[in-house]
């Protein structure tokens, strides 16, 4: 039974950097709650916060880092760009504004900057990646990656990318959507896999298999789902604005799932039908 993990657990990025394996997501966290939720997360031991331009709370995340007792060098900040500007330079400026919101110091940076979605099309993806490469070259982004990208999208990048492979691919992952093809591709190319919606937005809290495993270990179903991601070597990004749930979701290092548990959870995969947001397009 695996228990040898904690908040210091980190995965190696393709570069000489590491990413804390348990992250804290702030999707749809309203500005008036976001900063306090991040502060609670810091108190619980989280050192990895995942935001995005689309979320509208980058400034609040930055404020929480500034107000916390945690040194900036010990916090891993991720954000994302959803759509490009009219040119690579305009897109770069758009990204730079995110960096300023999250870390307004003169030498401010983010630790990971992602393209949020492949939806802007081939030309848009190229603009955004070249803008991120500019940030990466200047140290404004310590690593760069993608989100919701399938195999074809990542392969396409070879035609224009100076930095390849991307350091990270953040996709929806949980027992009901395991996206095996793209996960195996990422693992083969040294791309860290991040799991958004690891708690399935609480839609599976009464699933019999999940509840049975939770009872066996005397933990919550959400704790089992987070632990599952950790043992799959993914980076889960659980999200909550409820202080008690933030604390509970961080308490996942005192137990481990055994082989039978993992086999049972792996057996829940429904393929693309299991998505609550989206499965990637691997074509």
C-alpha atoms as a PDB file:
ATOM      1  CA  UNK A   1       0.000   0.000   0.000  1.00  0.00           C
ATOM      2  CA  UNK A   2       1.567   3.248  -1.137  1.00  0.00           C
ATOM      3  CA  UNK A   3       1.808   6.118   1.362  1.00  0.00           C
ATOM      4  CA  UNK A   4       5.181   7.690   0.572  1.00  0.00           C
ATOM      5  CA  UNK A   5       3.919  11.048  -0.580  1.00  0.00           C
ATOM      6  CA  UNK A   6       3.362  14.449   0.950  1.00  0.00           C
ATOM      7  CA  UNK A   7       3.165  18.092   0.054  1.00  0.00           C
ATOM      8  CA  UNK A   8       6.848  17.948  -0.881  1.00  0.00           C
ATOM      9  CA  UNK A   9       6.065  15.344  -3.574  1.00  0.00           C
ATOM     10  CA  UNK A  10       6.915  16.763  -6.974  1.00  0.00           C
ATOM     11  CA  UNK A  11       7.208  15.548 -10.545  1.00  0.00           C
ATOM     12  CA  UNK A  12      10.107  16.425 -12.804  1.00  0.00           C
ATOM     13  CA  UNK A  13       9.257  18.661 -15.735  1.00  0.00           C
ATOM     14  CA  UNK A  14      11.036  18.108 -19.068  1.00  0.00           C
ATOM     15  CA  UNK A  15      13.362  20.904 -17.987  1.00  0.00           C
ATOM     16  CA  UNK A  16      15.425  21.076 -14.787  1.00  0.00           C
ATOM     17  CA  UNK A  17      12.450  22.111 -12.671  1.00  0.00           C
ATOM     18  CA  UNK A  18       9.824  20.357 -10.582  1.00  0.00           C
ATOM     19  CA  UNK A  19       6.079  20.785 -10.185  1.00  0.00           C
ATOM     20  CA  UNK A  20       4.339  20.111  -6.844  1.00  0.00           C
ATOM     21  CA  UNK A  21       2.182  17.052  -7.433  1.00  0.00           C
ATOM     22  CA  UNK A  22      -0.905  18.303  -5.593  1.00  0.00           C
ATOM     23  CA  UNK A  23      -2.310  21.578  -6.903  1.00  0.00           C
ATOM     24  CA  UNK A  24      -5.196  23.836  -5.892  1.00  0.00           C
ATOM     25  CA  UNK A  25      -7.615  24.938  -8.601  1.00  0.00           C
ATOM     26  CA  UNK A  26      -9.554  28.218  -8.583  1.00  0.00           C
ATOM     27  CA  UNK A  27     -11.939  27.710 -11.527  1.00  0.00           C
ATOM     28  CA  UNK A  28     -15.073  29.837 -10.985  1.00  0.00           C
ATOM     29  CA  UNK A  29     -13.765  30.977  -7.608  1.00  0.00           C
ATOM     30  CA  UNK A  30     -15.349  34.456  -7.313  1.00  0.00           C
ATOM     31  CA  UNK A  31     -12.944  37.334  -6.662  1.00  0.00           C
ATOM     32  CA  UNK A  32     -14.431  38.020  -3.240  1.00  0.00           C
ATOM     33  CA  UNK A  33     -13.642  34.431  -2.138  1.00  0.00           C
ATOM     34  CA  UNK A  34     -10.613  33.493  -4.209  1.00  0.00           C
ATOM     35  CA  UNK A  35      -7.876  35.191  -2.183  1.00  0.00           C
ATOM     36  CA  UNK A  36      -9.164  33.749   1.100  1.00  0.00           C
ATOM     37  CA  UNK A  37      -9.502  30.276  -0.412  1.00  0.00           C
ATOM     38  CA  UNK A  38      -5.880  30.458  -1.585  1.00  0.00           C
ATOM     39  CA  UNK A  39      -4.765  31.575   1.871  1.00  0.00           C
ATOM     40  CA  UNK A  40      -6.620  28.623   3.404  1.00  0.00           C
ATOM     41  CA  UNK A  41      -4.944  26.337   0.878  1.00  0.00           C
ATOM     42  CA  UNK A  42      -1.523  27.713   1.824  1.00  0.00           C
ATOM     43  CA  UNK A  43      -2.294  27.094   5.507  1.00  0.00           C
ATOM     44  CA  UNK A  44      -3.165  23.475   4.642  1.00  0.00           C
ATOM     45  CA  UNK A  45       0.158  22.992   2.876  1.00  0.00           C
ATOM     46  CA  UNK A  46      -0.682  23.562  -0.781  1.00  0.00           C
ATOM     47  CA  UNK A  47       2.141  25.232  -2.704  1.00  0.00           C
ATOM     48  CA  UNK A  48       0.714  25.013  -6.237  1.00  0.00           C
ATOM     49  CA  UNK A  49      -2.139  27.263  -7.423  1.00  0.00           C
ATOM     50  CA  UNK A  50      -3.765  26.872 -10.858  1.00  0.00           C
ATOM     51  CA  UNK A  51      -5.627  29.851 -12.362  1.00  0.00           C
ATOM     52  CA  UNK A  52      -6.324  31.236 -15.860  1.00  0.00           C
ATOM     53  CA  UNK A  53      -7.150  34.451 -17.678  1.00  0.00           C
ATOM     54  CA  UNK A  54     -10.615  32.997 -18.276  1.00  0.00           C
ATOM     55  CA  UNK A  55     -11.207  32.570 -14.530  1.00  0.00           C
ATOM     56  CA  UNK A  56     -10.969  36.317 -13.891  1.00  0.00           C
ATOM     57  CA  UNK A  57      -9.126  35.914 -10.588  1.00  0.00           C
ATOM     58  CA  UNK A  58      -5.398  36.104 -11.393  1.00  0.00           C
ATOM     59  CA  UNK A  59      -5.103  39.325  -9.389  1.00  0.00           C
ATOM     60  CA  UNK A  60      -6.690  37.729  -6.342  1.00  0.00           C
ATOM     61  CA  UNK A  61      -4.318  34.773  -6.524  1.00  0.00           C
ATOM     62  CA  UNK A  62      -1.409  37.221  -6.695  1.00  0.00           C
ATOM     63  CA  UNK A  63      -2.773  39.100  -3.658  1.00  0.00           C
ATOM     64  CA  UNK A  64      -3.032  35.848  -1.699  1.00  0.00           C
ATOM     65  CA  UNK A  65       0.609  35.014  -2.417  1.00  0.00           C
ATOM     66  CA  UNK A  66       1.632  38.500  -1.274  1.00  0.00           C
ATOM     67  CA  UNK A  67      -0.482  38.312   1.900  1.00  0.00           C
ATOM     68  CA  UNK A  68       0.576  34.790   2.835  1.00  0.00           C
ATOM     69  CA  UNK A  69       3.494  33.786   5.030  1.00  0.00           C
ATOM     70  CA  UNK A  70       4.821  31.608   2.211  1.00  0.00           C
ATOM     71  CA  UNK A  71       7.863  32.764   0.276  1.00  0.00           C
ATOM     72  CA  UNK A  72       7.237  33.360  -3.436  1.00  0.00           C
ATOM     73  CA  UNK A  73      10.042  30.935  -4.295  1.00  0.00           C
ATOM     74  CA  UNK A  74       8.072  28.170  -2.572  1.00  0.00           C
ATOM     75  CA  UNK A  75       4.850  28.763  -4.527  1.00  0.00           C
ATOM     76  CA  UNK A  76       4.209  27.282  -7.976  1.00  0.00           C
ATOM     77  CA  UNK A  77       1.839  29.534  -9.959  1.00  0.00           C
ATOM     78  CA  UNK A  78       0.108  28.411 -13.144  1.00  0.00           C
ATOM     79  CA  UNK A  79      -2.075  30.437 -15.490  1.00  0.00           C
ATOM     80  CA  UNK A  80      -3.457  29.993 -19.010  1.00  0.00           C
ATOM     81  CA  UNK A  81      -4.250  31.991 -22.148  1.00  0.00           C
ATOM     82  CA  UNK A  82      -7.537  31.148 -23.869  1.00  0.00           C
ATOM     83  CA  UNK A  83      -7.381  33.156 -27.107  1.00  0.00           C
ATOM     84  CA  UNK A  84      -4.633  35.034 -28.989  1.00  0.00           C
ATOM     85  CA  UNK A  85      -4.373  38.711 -29.855  1.00  0.00           C
ATOM     86  CA  UNK A  86      -4.017  39.986 -33.403  1.00  0.00           C
ATOM     87  CA  UNK A  87      -0.314  39.141 -33.540  1.00  0.00           C
ATOM     88  CA  UNK A  88       2.342  37.259 -31.599  1.00  0.00           C
ATOM     89  CA  UNK A  89       3.446  40.557 -29.992  1.00  0.00           C
ATOM     90  CA  UNK A  90      -0.094  41.422 -28.903  1.00  0.00           C
ATOM     91  CA  UNK A  91      -0.537  37.911 -27.547  1.00  0.00           C
ATOM     92  CA  UNK A  92       2.746  38.226 -25.664  1.00  0.00           C
ATOM     93  CA  UNK A  93       1.584  41.478 -24.044  1.00  0.00           C
ATOM     94  CA  UNK A  94      -1.658  39.808 -23.047  1.00  0.00           C
ATOM     95  CA  UNK A  95       0.341  37.056 -21.334  1.00  0.00           C
ATOM     96  CA  UNK A  96       2.700  39.543 -19.723  1.00  0.00           C
ATOM     97  CA  UNK A  97      -0.309  41.244 -18.113  1.00  0.00           C
ATOM     98  CA  UNK A  98      -1.169  37.944 -16.442  1.00  0.00           C
ATOM     99  CA  UNK A  99       2.365  37.675 -15.087  1.00  0.00           C
ATOM    100  CA  UNK A 100       2.077  41.206 -13.645  1.00  0.00           C
ATOM    101  CA  UNK A 101      -1.197  40.330 -11.908  1.00  0.00           C
ATOM    102  CA  UNK A 102       0.201  37.184 -10.357  1.00  0.00           C
ATOM    103  CA  UNK A 103       3.669  38.443  -9.468  1.00  0.00           C
ATOM    104  CA  UNK A 104       4.011  42.241  -9.747  1.00  0.00           C
ATOM    105  CA  UNK A 105       7.646  42.298  -8.645  1.00  0.00           C
ATOM    106  CA  UNK A 106      10.177  43.680 -11.113  1.00  0.00           C
ATOM    107  CA  UNK A 107      11.514  40.163 -11.671  1.00  0.00           C
ATOM    108  CA  UNK A 108       8.046  38.612 -11.395  1.00  0.00           C
ATOM    109  CA  UNK A 109       7.256  35.362 -13.164  1.00  0.00           C
ATOM    110  CA  UNK A 110       4.805  32.496 -13.355  1.00  0.00           C
ATOM    111  CA  UNK A 111       6.024  28.961 -12.938  1.00  0.00           C
ATOM    112  CA  UNK A 112       3.856  27.514 -15.696  1.00  0.00           C
ATOM    113  CA  UNK A 113       1.933  29.194 -18.520  1.00  0.00           C
ATOM    114  CA  UNK A 114      -0.457  27.060 -20.575  1.00  0.00           C
ATOM    115  CA  UNK A 115      -2.475  27.409 -23.754  1.00  0.00           C
ATOM    116  CA  UNK A 116      -5.933  26.821 -22.286  1.00  0.00           C
ATOM    117  CA  UNK A 117      -7.515  25.135 -25.308  1.00  0.00           C
ATOM    118  CA  UNK A 118      -6.773  24.179 -28.914  1.00  0.00           C
ATOM    119  CA  UNK A 119     -10.074  25.796 -29.974  1.00  0.00           C
ATOM    120  CA  UNK A 120      -8.554  28.989 -31.570  1.00  0.00           C
ATOM    121  CA  UNK A 121      -7.363  26.834 -34.478  1.00  0.00           C
ATOM    122  CA  UNK A 122      -3.948  26.145 -35.980  1.00  0.00           C
ATOM    123  CA  UNK A 123      -2.972  29.780 -36.554  1.00  0.00           C
ATOM    124  CA  UNK A 124      -4.147  30.821 -33.099  1.00  0.00           C
ATOM    125  CA  UNK A 125      -2.290  27.969 -31.426  1.00  0.00           C
ATOM    126  CA  UNK A 126       0.914  28.993 -33.205  1.00  0.00           C
ATOM    127  CA  UNK A 127       0.558  32.640 -32.091  1.00  0.00           C
ATOM    128  CA  UNK A 128      -0.049  31.655 -28.486  1.00  0.00           C
ATOM    129  CA  UNK A 129       2.822  29.174 -28.371  1.00  0.00           C
ATOM    130  CA  UNK A 130       5.288  31.661 -29.851  1.00  0.00           C
ATOM    131  CA  UNK A 131       4.170  34.241 -27.277  1.00  0.00           C
ATOM    132  CA  UNK A 132       4.721  31.709 -24.490  1.00  0.00           C
ATOM    133  CA  UNK A 133       8.143  30.867 -25.911  1.00  0.00           C
ATOM    134  CA  UNK A 134       8.977  34.574 -25.629  1.00  0.00           C
ATOM    135  CA  UNK A 135       8.010  34.565 -21.949  1.00  0.00           C
ATOM    136  CA  UNK A 136       9.984  31.372 -21.419  1.00  0.00           C
ATOM    137  CA  UNK A 137      13.100  32.792 -23.108  1.00  0.00           C
ATOM    138  CA  UNK A 138      12.947  35.835 -20.812  1.00  0.00           C
ATOM    139  CA  UNK A 139      12.313  33.871 -17.623  1.00  0.00           C
ATOM    140  CA  UNK A 140       8.826  35.346 -17.212  1.00  0.00           C
ATOM    141  CA  UNK A 141       7.442  31.808 -17.476  1.00  0.00           C
ATOM    142  CA  UNK A 142       9.639  29.104 -15.989  1.00  0.00           C
ATOM    143  CA  UNK A 143       7.844  26.397 -17.971  1.00  0.00           C
ATOM    144  CA  UNK A 144       5.188  26.345 -20.702  1.00  0.00           C
ATOM    145  CA  UNK A 145       2.592  23.850 -21.767  1.00  0.00           C
ATOM    146  CA  UNK A 146      -0.877  23.147 -23.076  1.00  0.00           C
ATOM    147  CA  UNK A 147      -4.330  22.136 -21.890  1.00  0.00           C
ATOM    148  CA  UNK A 148      -7.013  20.032 -23.571  1.00  0.00           C
ATOM    149  CA  UNK A 149      -4.557  19.154 -26.368  1.00  0.00           C
ATOM    150  CA  UNK A 150      -4.840  15.818 -28.112  1.00  0.00           C
ATOM    151  CA  UNK A 151      -1.996  13.946 -29.774  1.00  0.00           C
ATOM    152  CA  UNK A 152      -2.553  15.626 -33.141  1.00  0.00           C
ATOM    153  CA  UNK A 153      -2.398  19.104 -31.596  1.00  0.00           C
ATOM    154  CA  UNK A 154       0.907  18.322 -29.878  1.00  0.00           C
ATOM    155  CA  UNK A 155       2.386  16.745 -32.986  1.00  0.00           C
ATOM    156  CA  UNK A 156       1.329  19.796 -35.043  1.00  0.00           C
ATOM    157  CA  UNK A 157       3.447  21.991 -32.765  1.00  0.00           C
ATOM    158  CA  UNK A 158       6.621  20.435 -34.166  1.00  0.00           C
ATOM    159  CA  UNK A 159       6.143  22.512 -37.335  1.00  0.00           C
ATOM    160  CA  UNK A 160       6.589  25.848 -35.513  1.00  0.00           C
ATOM    161  CA  UNK A 161       7.787  25.253 -31.958  1.00  0.00           C
ATOM    162  CA  UNK A 162      11.278  26.007 -30.721  1.00  0.00           C
ATOM    163  CA  UNK A 163      10.306  24.497 -27.370  1.00  0.00           C
ATOM    164  CA  UNK A 164       8.986  20.954 -27.877  1.00  0.00           C
ATOM    165  CA  UNK A 165       7.582  18.901 -26.320  1.00  0.00           C
ATOM    166  CA  UNK A 166       5.409  21.127 -24.135  1.00  0.00           C
ATOM    167  CA  UNK A 167       6.315  20.645 -20.501  1.00  0.00           C
ATOM    168  CA  UNK A 168       2.739  19.914 -19.361  1.00  0.00           C
ATOM    169  CA  UNK A 169      -0.637  18.861 -20.768  1.00  0.00           C
ATOM    170  CA  UNK A 170      -3.578  19.589 -18.448  1.00  0.00           C
ATOM    171  CA  UNK A 171      -6.660  17.514 -19.288  1.00  0.00           C
ATOM    172  CA  UNK A 172      -9.805  16.218 -17.610  1.00  0.00           C
ATOM    173  CA  UNK A 173      -8.913  13.031 -15.736  1.00  0.00           C
ATOM    174  CA  UNK A 174     -10.648  10.824 -13.179  1.00  0.00           C
ATOM    175  CA  UNK A 175     -11.640   7.132 -13.045  1.00  0.00           C
ATOM    176  CA  UNK A 176     -14.550   7.645 -15.467  1.00  0.00           C
ATOM    177  CA  UNK A 177     -12.387   9.459 -18.058  1.00  0.00           C
ATOM    178  CA  UNK A 178      -8.833   8.107 -18.123  1.00  0.00           C
ATOM    179  CA  UNK A 179      -7.861   9.261 -21.648  1.00  0.00           C
ATOM    180  CA  UNK A 180      -5.358   6.429 -21.952  1.00  0.00           C
ATOM    181  CA  UNK A 181      -4.111   7.195 -25.467  1.00  0.00           C
ATOM    182  CA  UNK A 182      -3.056  10.781 -24.812  1.00  0.00           C
ATOM    183  CA  UNK A 183      -1.792   9.975 -21.309  1.00  0.00           C
ATOM    184  CA  UNK A 184       0.464   7.239 -22.681  1.00  0.00           C
ATOM    185  CA  UNK A 185       1.673   9.605 -25.428  1.00  0.00           C
ATOM    186  CA  UNK A 186       2.524  12.295 -22.853  1.00  0.00           C
ATOM    187  CA  UNK A 187       4.320   9.832 -20.607  1.00  0.00           C
ATOM    188  CA  UNK A 188       6.328   8.548 -23.575  1.00  0.00           C
ATOM    189  CA  UNK A 189       7.465  12.086 -24.427  1.00  0.00           C
ATOM    190  CA  UNK A 190       8.174  13.243 -20.869  1.00  0.00           C
ATOM    191  CA  UNK A 191       5.154  15.569 -20.721  1.00  0.00           C
ATOM    192  CA  UNK A 192       3.741  15.959 -17.201  1.00  0.00           C
ATOM    193  CA  UNK A 193       0.015  15.171 -17.086  1.00  0.00           C
ATOM    194  CA  UNK A 194      -2.210  17.382 -14.946  1.00  0.00           C
ATOM    195  CA  UNK A 195      -5.744  16.319 -13.991  1.00  0.00           C
ATOM    196  CA  UNK A 196      -8.496  18.911 -13.871  1.00  0.00           C
ATOM    197  CA  UNK A 197     -11.947  17.964 -12.525  1.00  0.00           C
ATOM    198  CA  UNK A 198     -10.368  15.140 -10.463  1.00  0.00           C
ATOM    199  CA  UNK A 199     -13.420  15.233  -8.161  1.00  0.00           C
ATOM    200  CA  UNK A 200     -15.844  14.944 -11.112  1.00  0.00           C
ATOM    201  CA  UNK A 201     -17.627  18.006  -9.650  1.00  0.00           C
ATOM    202  CA  UNK A 202     -19.090  15.732  -6.977  1.00  0.00           C
ATOM    203  CA  UNK A 203     -21.285  13.932  -9.529  1.00  0.00           C
ATOM    204  CA  UNK A 204     -19.943  10.488  -8.545  1.00  0.00           C
ATOM    205  CA  UNK A 205     -19.977  10.883  -4.760  1.00  0.00           C
ATOM    206  CA  UNK A 206     -22.478   8.027  -4.392  1.00  0.00           C
ATOM    207  CA  UNK A 207     -20.855   5.621  -6.847  1.00  0.00           C
ATOM    208  CA  UNK A 208     -20.821   2.209  -5.175  1.00  0.00           C
ATOM    209  CA  UNK A 209     -17.223   1.320  -6.028  1.00  0.00           C
ATOM    210  CA  UNK A 210     -15.923   4.706  -4.885  1.00  0.00           C
ATOM    211  CA  UNK A 211     -17.961   4.710  -1.663  1.00  0.00           C
ATOM    212  CA  UNK A 212     -16.818   1.186  -0.835  1.00  0.00           C
ATOM    213  CA  UNK A 213     -13.136   2.105  -1.188  1.00  0.00           C
ATOM    214  CA  UNK A 214     -13.669   5.272   0.863  1.00  0.00           C
ATOM    215  CA  UNK A 215     -15.312   3.278   3.680  1.00  0.00           C
ATOM    216  CA  UNK A 216     -12.517   0.717   3.584  1.00  0.00           C
ATOM    217  CA  UNK A 217      -9.927   3.436   4.261  1.00  0.00           C
ATOM    218  CA  UNK A 218     -12.206   5.599   6.455  1.00  0.00           C
ATOM    219  CA  UNK A 219     -11.791   8.606   4.188  1.00  0.00           C
ATOM    220  CA  UNK A 220     -14.086  10.622   1.924  1.00  0.00           C
ATOM    221  CA  UNK A 221     -14.813   9.744  -1.710  1.00  0.00           C
ATOM    222  CA  UNK A 222     -13.029  12.964  -2.742  1.00  0.00           C
ATOM    223  CA  UNK A 223      -9.919  11.926  -0.846  1.00  0.00           C
ATOM    224  CA  UNK A 224      -9.949   8.611  -2.718  1.00  0.00           C
ATOM    225  CA  UNK A 225     -10.227  10.424  -6.073  1.00  0.00           C
ATOM    226  CA  UNK A 226      -7.307  12.729  -5.297  1.00  0.00           C
ATOM    227  CA  UNK A 227      -5.232   9.822  -4.017  1.00  0.00           C
ATOM    228  CA  UNK A 228      -6.044   7.884  -7.196  1.00  0.00           C
ATOM    229  CA  UNK A 229      -4.627  10.691  -9.344  1.00  0.00           C
ATOM    230  CA  UNK A 230      -1.472  10.894  -7.251  1.00  0.00           C
ATOM    231  CA  UNK A 231      -0.875   7.165  -7.599  1.00  0.00           C
ATOM    232  CA  UNK A 232      -1.441   7.382 -11.367  1.00  0.00           C
ATOM    233  CA  UNK A 233       1.422   9.925 -11.356  1.00  0.00           C
ATOM    234  CA  UNK A 234      -0.874  12.762 -12.444  1.00  0.00           C
ATOM    235  CA  UNK A 235      -1.023  16.245 -10.913  1.00  0.00           C
ATOM    236  CA  UNK A 236      -4.576  16.625  -9.535  1.00  0.00           C
ATOM    237  CA  UNK A 237      -6.060  20.116  -9.195  1.00  0.00           C
ATOM    238  CA  UNK A 238      -8.988  19.851  -6.753  1.00  0.00           C
ATOM    239  CA  UNK A 239     -11.056  23.023  -6.384  1.00  0.00           C
ATOM    240  CA  UNK A 240     -13.203  24.301  -3.517  1.00  0.00           C
ATOM    241  CA  UNK A 241     -14.077  27.555  -1.779  1.00  0.00           C
ATOM    242  CA  UNK A 242     -15.279  25.699   1.327  1.00  0.00           C
ATOM    243  CA  UNK A 243     -12.528  25.849   4.003  1.00  0.00           C
ATOM    244  CA  UNK A 244     -13.421  22.454   5.468  1.00  0.00           C
ATOM    245  CA  UNK A 245     -13.329  20.793   2.053  1.00  0.00           C
ATOM    246  CA  UNK A 246     -10.049  22.521   1.179  1.00  0.00           C
ATOM    247  CA  UNK A 247      -8.573  21.007   4.344  1.00  0.00           C
ATOM    248  CA  UNK A 248     -10.071  17.563   3.724  1.00  0.00           C
ATOM    249  CA  UNK A 249      -8.861  17.517   0.122  1.00  0.00           C
ATOM    250  CA  UNK A 250      -5.322  18.174   1.319  1.00  0.00           C
ATOM    251  CA  UNK A 251      -5.410  15.289   3.806  1.00  0.00           C
ATOM    252  CA  UNK A 252      -4.512  12.569   1.330  1.00  0.00           C
ATOM    253  CA  UNK A 253      -1.076  11.502   2.499  1.00  0.00           C
ATOM    254  CA  UNK A 254      -2.014   9.326   5.478  1.00  0.00           C
ATOM    255  CA  UNK A 255      -3.365   6.412   3.457  1.00  0.00           C
ATOM    256  CA  UNK A 256      -2.672   4.625   0.215  1.00  0.00           C
ATOM    257  CA  UNK A 257      -4.798   2.748  -2.292  1.00  0.00           C
ATOM    258  CA  UNK A 258      -3.823  -0.892  -2.704  1.00  0.00           C
ATOM    259  CA  UNK A 259      -3.671  -2.868  -5.931  1.00  0.00           C
ATOM    260  CA  UNK A 260      -7.279  -4.042  -5.634  1.00  0.00           C
ATOM    261  CA  UNK A 261      -8.465  -0.446  -5.157  1.00  0.00           C
ATOM    262  CA  UNK A 262      -6.576   0.760  -8.218  1.00  0.00           C
ATOM    263  CA  UNK A 263      -7.872  -2.126 -10.354  1.00  0.00           C
ATOM    264  CA  UNK A 264     -11.445  -1.344  -9.287  1.00  0.00           C
ATOM    265  CA  UNK A 265     -11.092   2.379 -10.010  1.00  0.00           C
ATOM    266  CA  UNK A 266      -9.330   1.750 -13.316  1.00  0.00           C
ATOM    267  CA  UNK A 267     -12.282  -0.454 -14.253  1.00  0.00           C
ATOM    268  CA  UNK A 268     -14.703   2.506 -14.091  1.00  0.00           C
ATOM    269  CA  UNK A 269     -13.423   4.118 -17.314  1.00  0.00           C
ATOM    270  CA  UNK A 270     -16.241   5.099 -19.696  1.00  0.00           C
ATOM    271  CA  UNK A 271     -14.075   6.663 -22.386  1.00  0.00           C
ATOM    272  CA  UNK A 272     -15.298   9.992 -23.833  1.00  0.00           C
ATOM    273  CA  UNK A 273     -18.796   9.327 -22.423  1.00  0.00           C
ATOM    274  CA  UNK A 274     -17.322   9.795 -18.951  1.00  0.00           C
ATOM    275  CA  UNK A 275     -16.348  13.426 -19.605  1.00  0.00           C
ATOM    276  CA  UNK A 276     -18.084  16.217 -17.711  1.00  0.00           C
ATOM    277  CA  UNK A 277     -16.121  18.916 -19.584  1.00  0.00           C
ATOM    278  CA  UNK A 278     -14.363  17.332 -22.538  1.00  0.00           C
ATOM    279  CA  UNK A 279     -12.234  14.488 -23.768  1.00  0.00           C
ATOM    280  CA  UNK A 280      -9.383  15.541 -26.032  1.00  0.00           C
ATOM    281  CA  UNK A 281      -9.468  15.004 -29.791  1.00  0.00           C
ATOM    282  CA  UNK A 282      -6.493  12.792 -30.688  1.00  0.00           C
ATOM    283  CA  UNK A 283      -6.903  13.057 -34.478  1.00  0.00           C
END
